[in-house]
Amino acid sequence: MPNSFAIRVVFLDGKEMKGNIAPADIRENIGWIYEDVFKRLEEQMPPVLSFTESETISIKQKIPQNPLSVCTALIEDDEGNITPNIRSH
């Protein structure tokens, strides 16, 4: 198994985040790995409105500390073919 994997996240606006990650971190610490991604997503999330009898309150949405997530590794071969590596835990 390699010492690290290259990781690349492409947002809808075309901006990218790149880096390297250890295999154990993908399995065990998924939250902090994607912390910057979660922050960018939170910035784009619309507020939730809470209505009372006298006022409407705007509440900023937050992604929970331990969100439900699915991580699929994509493996690229020498010819550029990309295959998902799906495993159950």
N, C-alpha and C. Protein backbone atom coordinates (compact mmCIF):
# COMPACT_ATOMS: atom_id res chain seq x y z
N MET A 1 0.85 -1.18 0.00
CA MET A 1 0.00 0.00 0.00
C MET A 1 0.90 1.25 0.00
N PRO A 2 0.54 2.27 -0.77
CA PRO A 2 1.37 3.48 -0.83
C PRO A 2 1.37 4.24 0.49
N ASN A 3 2.41 5.09 0.69
CA ASN A 3 2.52 5.90 1.90
C ASN A 3 1.48 7.01 1.94
N SER A 4 1.09 7.50 0.77
CA SER A 4 0.07 8.54 0.72
C SER A 4 -0.64 8.52 -0.62
N PHE A 5 -1.81 9.11 -0.64
CA PHE A 5 -2.60 9.23 -1.85
C PHE A 5 -2.72 10.70 -2.20
N ALA A 6 -2.73 11.01 -3.48
CA ALA A 6 -3.02 12.37 -3.92
C ALA A 6 -4.52 12.56 -3.85
N ILE A 7 -4.93 13.72 -3.36
CA ILE A 7 -6.35 14.02 -3.25
C ILE A 7 -6.63 15.32 -3.99
N ARG A 8 -7.76 15.36 -4.69
CA ARG A 8 -8.14 16.55 -5.42
C ARG A 8 -9.65 16.71 -5.32
N VAL A 9 -10.10 17.88 -4.89
CA VAL A 9 -11.51 18.19 -4.81
C VAL A 9 -11.78 19.31 -5.80
N VAL A 10 -12.77 19.12 -6.68
CA VAL A 10 -13.15 20.13 -7.66
C VAL A 10 -14.55 20.61 -7.30
N PHE A 11 -14.68 21.92 -7.06
CA PHE A 11 -15.97 22.51 -6.72
C PHE A 11 -16.74 22.84 -7.99
N LEU A 12 -18.04 23.10 -7.84
CA LEU A 12 -18.89 23.40 -8.98
C LEU A 12 -18.42 24.63 -9.75
N ASP A 13 -17.78 25.58 -9.07
CA ASP A 13 -17.30 26.80 -9.75
C ASP A 13 -15.97 26.56 -10.46
N GLY A 14 -15.44 25.33 -10.42
CA GLY A 14 -14.19 24.99 -11.10
C GLY A 14 -12.95 25.13 -10.25
N LYS A 15 -13.06 25.73 -9.07
CA LYS A 15 -11.89 25.85 -8.20
C LYS A 15 -11.51 24.48 -7.64
N GLU A 16 -10.22 24.30 -7.40
CA GLU A 16 -9.71 23.02 -6.93
C GLU A 16 -8.94 23.15 -5.62
N MET A 17 -8.96 22.06 -4.84
CA MET A 17 -8.10 21.92 -3.67
C MET A 17 -7.33 20.63 -3.89
N LYS A 18 -6.00 20.67 -3.69
CA LYS A 18 -5.17 19.49 -3.89
C LYS A 18 -4.29 19.24 -2.67
N GLY A 19 -3.87 18.01 -2.50
CA GLY A 19 -2.96 17.66 -1.42
C GLY A 19 -2.69 16.17 -1.40
N ASN A 20 -2.02 15.71 -0.35
CA ASN A 20 -1.74 14.29 -0.17
C ASN A 20 -2.30 13.86 1.18
N ILE A 21 -2.64 12.58 1.27
CA ILE A 21 -3.24 12.07 2.49
C ILE A 21 -2.78 10.63 2.73
N ALA A 22 -2.59 10.27 3.98
CA ALA A 22 -2.21 8.90 4.35
C ALA A 22 -3.45 8.01 4.32
N PRO A 23 -3.30 6.75 3.90
CA PRO A 23 -4.46 5.84 3.85
C PRO A 23 -5.21 5.72 5.18
N ALA A 24 -4.50 5.66 6.30
CA ALA A 24 -5.16 5.53 7.60
C ALA A 24 -6.04 6.74 7.90
N ASP A 25 -5.62 7.93 7.45
CA ASP A 25 -6.41 9.13 7.70
C ASP A 25 -7.73 9.10 6.95
N ILE A 26 -7.75 8.47 5.79
CA ILE A 26 -9.00 8.38 5.04
C ILE A 26 -10.02 7.55 5.82
N ARG A 27 -9.58 6.47 6.42
CA ARG A 27 -10.49 5.59 7.16
C ARG A 27 -10.87 6.14 8.52
N GLU A 28 -9.94 6.77 9.22
CA GLU A 28 -10.16 7.08 10.63
C GLU A 28 -10.51 8.54 10.92
N ASN A 29 -10.03 9.48 10.15
CA ASN A 29 -10.18 10.89 10.49
C ASN A 29 -10.80 11.70 9.36
N ILE A 30 -11.84 11.21 8.78
CA ILE A 30 -12.38 11.82 7.58
C ILE A 30 -12.80 13.28 7.81
N GLY A 31 -13.28 13.61 8.99
CA GLY A 31 -13.76 14.97 9.26
C GLY A 31 -12.73 16.06 9.06
N TRP A 32 -11.55 15.93 9.68
CA TRP A 32 -10.56 17.01 9.57
C TRP A 32 -9.94 17.07 8.19
N ILE A 33 -9.92 15.96 7.47
CA ILE A 33 -9.37 15.96 6.12
C ILE A 33 -10.15 16.89 5.23
N TYR A 34 -11.45 16.88 5.38
CA TYR A 34 -12.32 17.67 4.52
C TYR A 34 -12.82 18.95 5.20
N GLU A 35 -12.16 19.36 6.26
CA GLU A 35 -12.61 20.54 7.01
C GLU A 35 -12.76 21.77 6.11
N ASP A 36 -11.78 22.04 5.25
CA ASP A 36 -11.87 23.19 4.36
C ASP A 36 -13.03 23.05 3.38
N VAL A 37 -13.27 21.83 2.91
CA VAL A 37 -14.41 21.58 2.02
C VAL A 37 -15.70 21.88 2.75
N PHE A 38 -15.83 21.38 3.98
CA PHE A 38 -17.04 21.62 4.76
C PHE A 38 -17.25 23.12 5.01
N LYS A 39 -16.18 23.85 5.29
CA LYS A 39 -16.31 25.30 5.52
C LYS A 39 -16.82 26.01 4.27
N ARG A 40 -16.28 25.64 3.11
CA ARG A 40 -16.76 26.25 1.85
C ARG A 40 -18.21 25.92 1.58
N LEU A 41 -18.59 24.68 1.86
CA LEU A 41 -19.99 24.30 1.67
C LEU A 41 -20.90 25.09 2.60
N GLU A 42 -20.50 25.24 3.87
CA GLU A 42 -21.30 26.00 4.83
C GLU A 42 -21.50 27.44 4.37
N GLU A 43 -20.45 28.03 3.79
CA GLU A 43 -20.55 29.41 3.31
C GLU A 43 -21.61 29.56 2.22
N GLN A 44 -21.84 28.50 1.46
CA GLN A 44 -22.78 28.55 0.35
C GLN A 44 -24.19 28.10 0.72
N MET A 45 -24.36 27.53 1.91
CA MET A 45 -25.67 27.03 2.31
C MET A 45 -26.58 28.19 2.70
N PRO A 46 -27.83 28.17 2.24
CA PRO A 46 -28.76 29.25 2.62
C PRO A 46 -29.16 29.11 4.09
N PRO A 47 -29.56 30.20 4.72
CA PRO A 47 -30.00 30.11 6.11
C PRO A 47 -31.35 29.38 6.22
N VAL A 48 -31.59 28.84 7.40
CA VAL A 48 -32.88 28.24 7.72
C VAL A 48 -33.69 29.30 8.46
N LEU A 49 -34.94 29.45 8.07
CA LEU A 49 -35.78 30.44 8.73
C LEU A 49 -36.59 29.79 9.83
N SER A 50 -36.62 30.45 10.99
CA SER A 50 -37.41 30.00 12.13
C SER A 50 -38.47 31.06 12.40
N PHE A 51 -39.73 30.65 12.39
CA PHE A 51 -40.83 31.60 12.54
C PHE A 51 -41.43 31.51 13.94
N THR A 52 -41.61 32.65 14.57
CA THR A 52 -42.33 32.73 15.83
C THR A 52 -43.54 33.63 15.58
N GLU A 53 -44.33 33.86 16.60
CA GLU A 53 -45.51 34.71 16.43
C GLU A 53 -45.13 36.14 16.09
N SER A 54 -43.99 36.61 16.59
CA SER A 54 -43.65 38.02 16.43
C SER A 54 -42.49 38.29 15.47
N GLU A 55 -41.71 37.27 15.13
CA GLU A 55 -40.56 37.54 14.27
C GLU A 55 -40.12 36.31 13.47
N THR A 56 -39.29 36.58 12.50
CA THR A 56 -38.66 35.53 11.71
C THR A 56 -37.15 35.61 11.97
N ILE A 57 -36.58 34.49 12.37
CA ILE A 57 -35.16 34.45 12.70
C ILE A 57 -34.43 33.66 11.62
N SER A 58 -33.31 34.21 11.16
CA SER A 58 -32.46 33.54 10.17
C SER A 58 -31.34 32.80 10.91
N ILE A 59 -31.26 31.49 10.71
CA ILE A 59 -30.28 30.66 11.40
C ILE A 59 -29.30 30.10 10.37
N LYS A 60 -28.01 30.34 10.59
CA LYS A 60 -26.97 29.84 9.69
C LYS A 60 -26.86 28.33 9.83
N GLN A 61 -26.86 27.62 8.70
CA GLN A 61 -26.72 26.17 8.72
C GLN A 61 -25.28 25.77 8.98
N LYS A 62 -25.10 24.69 9.70
CA LYS A 62 -23.77 24.14 10.00
C LYS A 62 -23.76 22.66 9.66
N ILE A 63 -22.65 22.19 9.15
CA ILE A 63 -22.45 20.76 8.95
C ILE A 63 -22.04 20.18 10.30
N PRO A 64 -22.65 19.08 10.75
CA PRO A 64 -22.34 18.53 12.07
C PRO A 64 -20.89 18.06 12.19
N GLN A 65 -20.42 17.93 13.42
CA GLN A 65 -19.04 17.48 13.68
C GLN A 65 -18.75 16.13 13.06
N ASN A 66 -19.70 15.22 13.12
CA ASN A 66 -19.51 13.87 12.56
C ASN A 66 -20.58 13.60 11.50
N PRO A 67 -20.44 14.25 10.34
CA PRO A 67 -21.47 14.05 9.32
C PRO A 67 -21.41 12.65 8.73
N LEU A 68 -22.55 12.17 8.27
CA LEU A 68 -22.58 10.92 7.54
C LEU A 68 -21.90 11.16 6.21
N SER A 69 -20.91 10.37 5.88
CA SER A 69 -20.18 10.60 4.64
C SER A 69 -19.84 9.28 3.97
N VAL A 70 -19.66 9.35 2.68
CA VAL A 70 -19.24 8.20 1.88
C VAL A 70 -18.01 8.64 1.10
N CYS A 71 -16.95 7.86 1.17
CA CYS A 71 -15.72 8.19 0.46
C CYS A 71 -15.43 7.07 -0.53
N THR A 72 -15.36 7.42 -1.80
CA THR A 72 -15.05 6.45 -2.84
C THR A 72 -13.71 6.82 -3.46
N ALA A 73 -12.76 5.93 -3.34
CA ALA A 73 -11.45 6.17 -3.94
C ALA A 73 -11.55 5.90 -5.44
N LEU A 74 -10.97 6.79 -6.23
CA LEU A 74 -10.90 6.61 -7.68
C LEU A 74 -9.47 6.30 -8.05
N ILE A 75 -9.26 5.21 -8.74
CA ILE A 75 -7.92 4.77 -9.11
C ILE A 75 -7.73 5.01 -10.60
N GLU A 76 -6.65 5.74 -10.95
CA GLU A 76 -6.36 6.01 -12.35
C GLU A 76 -5.18 5.15 -12.79
N ASP A 77 -5.34 4.42 -13.89
CA ASP A 77 -4.24 3.60 -14.39
C ASP A 77 -3.37 4.40 -15.35
N ASP A 78 -2.32 3.77 -15.88
CA ASP A 78 -1.37 4.45 -16.75
C ASP A 78 -1.98 4.98 -18.03
N GLU A 79 -3.12 4.41 -18.46
CA GLU A 79 -3.78 4.87 -19.68
C GLU A 79 -4.84 5.94 -19.42
N GLY A 80 -5.01 6.33 -18.15
CA GLY A 80 -5.98 7.37 -17.82
C GLY A 80 -7.37 6.86 -17.51
N ASN A 81 -7.55 5.55 -17.45
CA ASN A 81 -8.85 4.99 -17.08
C ASN A 81 -9.06 5.14 -15.58
N ILE A 82 -10.22 5.61 -15.19
CA ILE A 82 -10.52 5.81 -13.77
C ILE A 82 -11.56 4.78 -13.34
N THR A 83 -11.25 4.07 -12.23
CA THR A 83 -12.12 3.04 -11.72
C THR A 83 -12.39 3.31 -10.25
N PRO A 84 -13.67 3.26 -9.81
CA PRO A 84 -13.95 3.43 -8.37
C PRO A 84 -13.51 2.19 -7.60
N ASN A 85 -12.94 2.41 -6.43
CA ASN A 85 -12.52 1.34 -5.55
C ASN A 85 -13.51 1.32 -4.39
N ILE A 86 -14.50 0.45 -4.47
CA ILE A 86 -15.59 0.43 -3.49
C ILE A 86 -15.41 -0.78 -2.58
N ARG A 87 -15.35 -0.52 -1.29
CA ARG A 87 -15.23 -1.60 -0.30
C ARG A 87 -16.18 -1.35 0.84
N SER A 88 -16.77 -2.39 1.37
CA SER A 88 -17.64 -2.28 2.55
C SER A 88 -16.81 -2.45 3.80
N HIS A 89 -17.17 -1.70 4.83
CA HIS A 89 -16.48 -1.82 6.13
C HIS A 89 -17.44 -2.28 7.17
